[in-house]
Amino acid sequence: MKYQIGNPGRVIVVRFEDRDDIISSLVSIAKKENIRAAIFHLVGGMREGSLVVGPETDEFPPKPVWKKLGESHEVVGSGTIFWQDDEPKVHFHGAFGKKDMVKVGCLRADSETFLVLEAVITEIEGVTARRELDPVSGMVLLKL
């Protein structure tokens, strides 16, 4: 285990509107505000999203299992923002529910708001964490 200690910095409150792209909007905010490290929480509705819901097997490199939302869902979850090279990378895990169905996974693509979605981003100051490609897993992982 490795860790760093930081302090909370700015707090940004975001209201996504219908059909906003969630992942690219978070990346855009991180770039515009030069947020190098952050945690965020999301709550609201999504109409589209591609999720990874686990690896097919417990081997390296992992082969992801993909699920699509494809219609409106309630969503709640949290994530982080750290940079890889010159680009902020969003890592978000959430629970996505519709009627009796609940999906839990890592939102990777096609993220689109349904009606309204709220985010609270808390900047983390004083850490140098970043994302790097891990050659063993083939995944982009947090590097401290």
C-alpha atoms as a PDB file:
ATOM      1  CA  MET A   1       0.000   0.000   0.000  1.00  0.00           C
ATOM      2  CA  LYS A   2       1.151   3.514  -0.816  1.00  0.00           C
ATOM      3  CA  TYR A   3      -0.500   6.774   0.158  1.00  0.00           C
ATOM      4  CA  GLN A   4      -0.143  10.532   0.253  1.00  0.00           C
ATOM      5  CA  ILE A   5      -1.798  13.088   2.487  1.00  0.00           C
ATOM      6  CA  GLY A   6      -3.490  16.136   1.018  1.00  0.00           C
ATOM      7  CA  ASN A   7      -5.979  18.785   1.998  1.00  0.00           C
ATOM      8  CA  PRO A   8      -9.351  19.759   0.585  1.00  0.00           C
ATOM      9  CA  GLY A   9      -9.155  22.678  -1.788  1.00  0.00           C
ATOM     10  CA  ARG A  10     -11.899  24.310  -3.818  1.00  0.00           C
ATOM     11  CA  VAL A  11     -15.371  22.795  -3.913  1.00  0.00           C
ATOM     12  CA  ILE A  12     -17.162  23.010  -7.261  1.00  0.00           C
ATOM     13  CA  VAL A  13     -20.905  22.394  -7.538  1.00  0.00           C
ATOM     14  CA  VAL A  14     -22.104  21.341 -10.997  1.00  0.00           C
ATOM     15  CA  ARG A  15     -25.573  21.035 -12.476  1.00  0.00           C
ATOM     16  CA  PHE A  16     -25.570  18.956 -15.638  1.00  0.00           C
ATOM     17  CA  GLU A  17     -28.532  19.534 -17.906  1.00  0.00           C
ATOM     18  CA  ASP A  18     -30.464  17.133 -20.121  1.00  0.00           C
ATOM     19  CA  ARG A  19     -28.184  15.315 -22.602  1.00  0.00           C
ATOM     20  CA  ASP A  20     -24.924  16.791 -21.230  1.00  0.00           C
ATOM     21  CA  ASP A  21     -21.978  14.408 -21.625  1.00  0.00           C
ATOM     22  CA  ILE A  22     -20.931  13.735 -18.035  1.00  0.00           C
ATOM     23  CA  ILE A  23     -17.408  12.386 -18.475  1.00  0.00           C
ATOM     24  CA  SER A  24     -16.299  14.998 -21.023  1.00  0.00           C
ATOM     25  CA  SER A  25     -17.853  17.774 -18.902  1.00  0.00           C
ATOM     26  CA  LEU A  26     -15.897  16.663 -15.822  1.00  0.00           C
ATOM     27  CA  VAL A  27     -12.715  16.559 -17.928  1.00  0.00           C
ATOM     28  CA  SER A  28     -13.497  20.047 -19.258  1.00  0.00           C
ATOM     29  CA  ILE A  29     -13.982  21.459 -15.737  1.00  0.00           C
ATOM     30  CA  ALA A  30     -10.727  19.847 -14.550  1.00  0.00           C
ATOM     31  CA  LYS A  31      -8.845  21.417 -17.479  1.00  0.00           C
ATOM     32  CA  LYS A  32     -10.440  24.852 -17.175  1.00  0.00           C
ATOM     33  CA  GLU A  33      -9.930  25.032 -13.400  1.00  0.00           C
ATOM     34  CA  ASN A  34      -6.569  23.182 -13.436  1.00  0.00           C
ATOM     35  CA  ILE A  35      -7.831  20.585 -10.982  1.00  0.00           C
ATOM     36  CA  ARG A  36      -4.959  18.076 -10.734  1.00  0.00           C
ATOM     37  CA  ALA A  37      -6.552  15.783  -8.132  1.00  0.00           C
ATOM     38  CA  ALA A  38     -10.143  15.538  -6.908  1.00  0.00           C
ATOM     39  CA  ILE A  39     -12.937  13.375  -5.625  1.00  0.00           C
ATOM     40  CA  PHE A  40     -16.490  13.885  -6.833  1.00  0.00           C
ATOM     41  CA  HIS A  41     -19.980  12.620  -6.088  1.00  0.00           C
ATOM     42  CA  LEU A  42     -22.844  12.361  -8.590  1.00  0.00           C
ATOM     43  CA  VAL A  43     -26.577  12.095  -7.987  1.00  0.00           C
ATOM     44  CA  GLY A  44     -29.441  12.385 -10.447  1.00  0.00           C
ATOM     45  CA  GLY A  45     -30.443  10.857 -13.759  1.00  0.00           C
ATOM     46  CA  MET A  46     -28.673   9.379 -16.757  1.00  0.00           C
ATOM     47  CA  ARG A  47     -30.159   8.279 -20.076  1.00  0.00           C
ATOM     48  CA  GLU A  48     -27.079   6.713 -21.640  1.00  0.00           C
ATOM     49  CA  GLY A  49     -23.912   5.105 -20.396  1.00  0.00           C
ATOM     50  CA  SER A  50     -21.517   2.272 -21.068  1.00  0.00           C
ATOM     51  CA  LEU A  51     -20.384   0.492 -17.907  1.00  0.00           C
ATOM     52  CA  VAL A  52     -17.779  -2.083 -17.075  1.00  0.00           C
ATOM     53  CA  VAL A  53     -19.400  -4.477 -14.606  1.00  0.00           C
ATOM     54  CA  GLY A  54     -16.396  -6.656 -13.896  1.00  0.00           C
ATOM     55  CA  PRO A  55     -13.839  -8.795 -15.612  1.00  0.00           C
ATOM     56  CA  GLU A  56     -14.915 -11.989 -17.365  1.00  0.00           C
ATOM     57  CA  THR A  57     -12.410 -13.958 -15.261  1.00  0.00           C
ATOM     58  CA  ASP A  58      -9.930 -13.207 -12.505  1.00  0.00           C
ATOM     59  CA  GLU A  59      -6.869 -13.194 -14.779  1.00  0.00           C
ATOM     60  CA  PHE A  60      -4.439 -10.591 -16.056  1.00  0.00           C
ATOM     61  CA  PRO A  61      -4.905  -8.669 -18.185  1.00  0.00           C
ATOM     62  CA  PRO A  62      -8.604  -8.478 -17.289  1.00  0.00           C
ATOM     63  CA  LYS A  63     -11.162  -8.694 -20.095  1.00  0.00           C
ATOM     64  CA  PRO A  64     -13.987  -6.239 -19.254  1.00  0.00           C
ATOM     65  CA  VAL A  65     -17.676  -7.131 -19.278  1.00  0.00           C
ATOM     66  CA  TRP A  66     -19.685  -4.230 -20.765  1.00  0.00           C
ATOM     67  CA  LYS A  67     -23.309  -3.216 -20.117  1.00  0.00           C
ATOM     68  CA  LYS A  68     -25.238  -0.295 -21.615  1.00  0.00           C
ATOM     69  CA  LEU A  69     -27.891   1.721 -19.849  1.00  0.00           C
ATOM     70  CA  GLY A  70     -29.810   2.508 -23.043  1.00  0.00           C
ATOM     71  CA  GLU A  71     -32.614   4.340 -21.210  1.00  0.00           C
ATOM     72  CA  SER A  72     -33.137   6.633 -18.228  1.00  0.00           C
ATOM     73  CA  HIS A  73     -31.773   5.467 -14.855  1.00  0.00           C
ATOM     74  CA  GLU A  74     -31.311   6.975 -11.432  1.00  0.00           C
ATOM     75  CA  VAL A  75     -27.629   7.208 -10.523  1.00  0.00           C
ATOM     76  CA  VAL A  76     -25.560   7.717  -7.410  1.00  0.00           C
ATOM     77  CA  GLY A  77     -21.834   7.232  -7.011  1.00  0.00           C
ATOM     78  CA  SER A  78     -18.384   8.672  -6.563  1.00  0.00           C
ATOM     79  CA  GLY A  79     -15.214   9.003  -8.498  1.00  0.00           C
ATOM     80  CA  THR A  80     -11.801  10.559  -8.779  1.00  0.00           C
ATOM     81  CA  ILE A  81      -9.981  12.832 -11.176  1.00  0.00           C
ATOM     82  CA  PHE A  82      -6.219  12.489 -11.642  1.00  0.00           C
ATOM     83  CA  TRP A  83      -4.140  13.362 -14.676  1.00  0.00           C
ATOM     84  CA  GLN A  84      -2.441  11.017 -17.112  1.00  0.00           C
ATOM     85  CA  ASP A  85       0.226  12.957 -18.988  1.00  0.00           C
ATOM     86  CA  ASP A  86      -1.534  16.150 -20.165  1.00  0.00           C
ATOM     87  CA  GLU A  87      -5.112  14.973 -19.753  1.00  0.00           C
ATOM     88  CA  PRO A  88      -7.416  14.596 -16.723  1.00  0.00           C
ATOM     89  CA  LYS A  89      -8.825  11.088 -16.354  1.00  0.00           C
ATOM     90  CA  VAL A  90     -12.154  10.394 -14.672  1.00  0.00           C
ATOM     91  CA  HIS A  91     -12.710   7.155 -12.721  1.00  0.00           C
ATOM     92  CA  PHE A  92     -16.348   6.798 -11.626  1.00  0.00           C
ATOM     93  CA  HIS A  93     -18.183   3.884 -10.007  1.00  0.00           C
ATOM     94  CA  GLY A  94     -21.891   4.114  -9.446  1.00  0.00           C
ATOM     95  CA  ALA A  95     -25.186   2.359  -8.958  1.00  0.00           C
ATOM     96  CA  PHE A  96     -27.677   2.775 -11.807  1.00  0.00           C
ATOM     97  CA  GLY A  97     -31.304   1.856 -11.146  1.00  0.00           C
ATOM     98  CA  LYS A  98     -34.522   1.589 -13.152  1.00  0.00           C
ATOM     99  CA  LYS A  99     -37.668  -0.013 -11.697  1.00  0.00           C
ATOM    100  CA  ASP A 100     -36.510  -3.383 -10.296  1.00  0.00           C
ATOM    101  CA  MET A 101     -33.158  -3.360 -12.134  1.00  0.00           C
ATOM    102  CA  VAL A 102     -29.927  -2.179 -10.556  1.00  0.00           C
ATOM    103  CA  LYS A 103     -26.556  -2.146 -12.266  1.00  0.00           C
ATOM    104  CA  VAL A 104     -23.330  -1.314 -10.484  1.00  0.00           C
ATOM    105  CA  GLY A 105     -20.198  -0.554 -12.421  1.00  0.00           C
ATOM    106  CA  CYS A 106     -17.521   1.742 -13.749  1.00  0.00           C
ATOM    107  CA  LEU A 107     -18.867   4.334 -16.203  1.00  0.00           C
ATOM    108  CA  ARG A 108     -16.490   4.460 -19.170  1.00  0.00           C
ATOM    109  CA  ALA A 109     -18.268   6.002 -22.168  1.00  0.00           C
ATOM    110  CA  ASP A 110     -21.478   7.363 -23.702  1.00  0.00           C
ATOM    111  CA  SER A 111     -22.377   9.221 -20.506  1.00  0.00           C
ATOM    112  CA  GLU A 112     -25.473  11.355 -21.011  1.00  0.00           C
ATOM    113  CA  THR A 113     -27.625  13.170 -18.459  1.00  0.00           C
ATOM    114  CA  PHE A 114     -31.348  12.538 -18.175  1.00  0.00           C
ATOM    115  CA  LEU A 115     -33.118  15.758 -17.095  1.00  0.00           C
ATOM    116  CA  VAL A 116     -30.728  16.790 -14.333  1.00  0.00           C
ATOM    117  CA  LEU A 117     -27.631  15.443 -12.622  1.00  0.00           C
ATOM    118  CA  GLU A 118     -25.687  17.086  -9.831  1.00  0.00           C
ATOM    119  CA  ALA A 119     -21.997  16.794  -8.988  1.00  0.00           C
ATOM    120  CA  VAL A 120     -19.911  18.055  -6.110  1.00  0.00           C
ATOM    121  CA  ILE A 121     -16.189  18.093  -6.898  1.00  0.00           C
ATOM    122  CA  THR A 122     -13.708  18.507  -4.045  1.00  0.00           C
ATOM    123  CA  GLU A 123     -10.200  19.366  -5.118  1.00  0.00           C
ATOM    124  CA  ILE A 124      -7.344  17.615  -3.275  1.00  0.00           C
ATOM    125  CA  GLU A 125      -4.312  19.841  -2.730  1.00  0.00           C
ATOM    126  CA  GLY A 126      -0.803  18.708  -1.863  1.00  0.00           C
ATOM    127  CA  VAL A 127      -0.737  15.308  -3.600  1.00  0.00           C
ATOM    128  CA  THR A 128       1.237  14.332  -6.684  1.00  0.00           C
ATOM    129  CA  ALA A 129      -0.822  11.272  -7.610  1.00  0.00           C
ATOM    130  CA  ARG A 130      -1.282  10.629 -11.324  1.00  0.00           C
ATOM    131  CA  ARG A 131      -2.472   7.889 -13.659  1.00  0.00           C
ATOM    132  CA  GLU A 132      -0.048   5.667 -15.579  1.00  0.00           C
ATOM    133  CA  LEU A 133      -0.362   2.628 -17.796  1.00  0.00           C
ATOM    134  CA  ASP A 134       0.408  -0.523 -15.800  1.00  0.00           C
ATOM    135  CA  PRO A 135       2.138  -3.032 -18.091  1.00  0.00           C
ATOM    136  CA  VAL A 136       1.023  -6.090 -16.073  1.00  0.00           C
ATOM    137  CA  SER A 137      -2.724  -5.368 -16.016  1.00  0.00           C
ATOM    138  CA  GLY A 138      -2.867  -3.277 -19.189  1.00  0.00           C
ATOM    139  CA  MET A 139      -4.935  -0.751 -17.231  1.00  0.00           C
ATOM    140  CA  VAL A 140      -4.329   2.910 -16.456  1.00  0.00           C
ATOM    141  CA  LEU A 141      -3.827   2.920 -12.677  1.00  0.00           C
ATOM    142  CA  LEU A 142      -3.165   5.435  -9.924  1.00  0.00           C
ATOM    143  CA  LYS A 143       0.534   6.045  -9.305  1.00  0.00           C
ATOM    144  CA  LEU A 144       1.741   7.621  -6.063  1.00  0.00           C
END
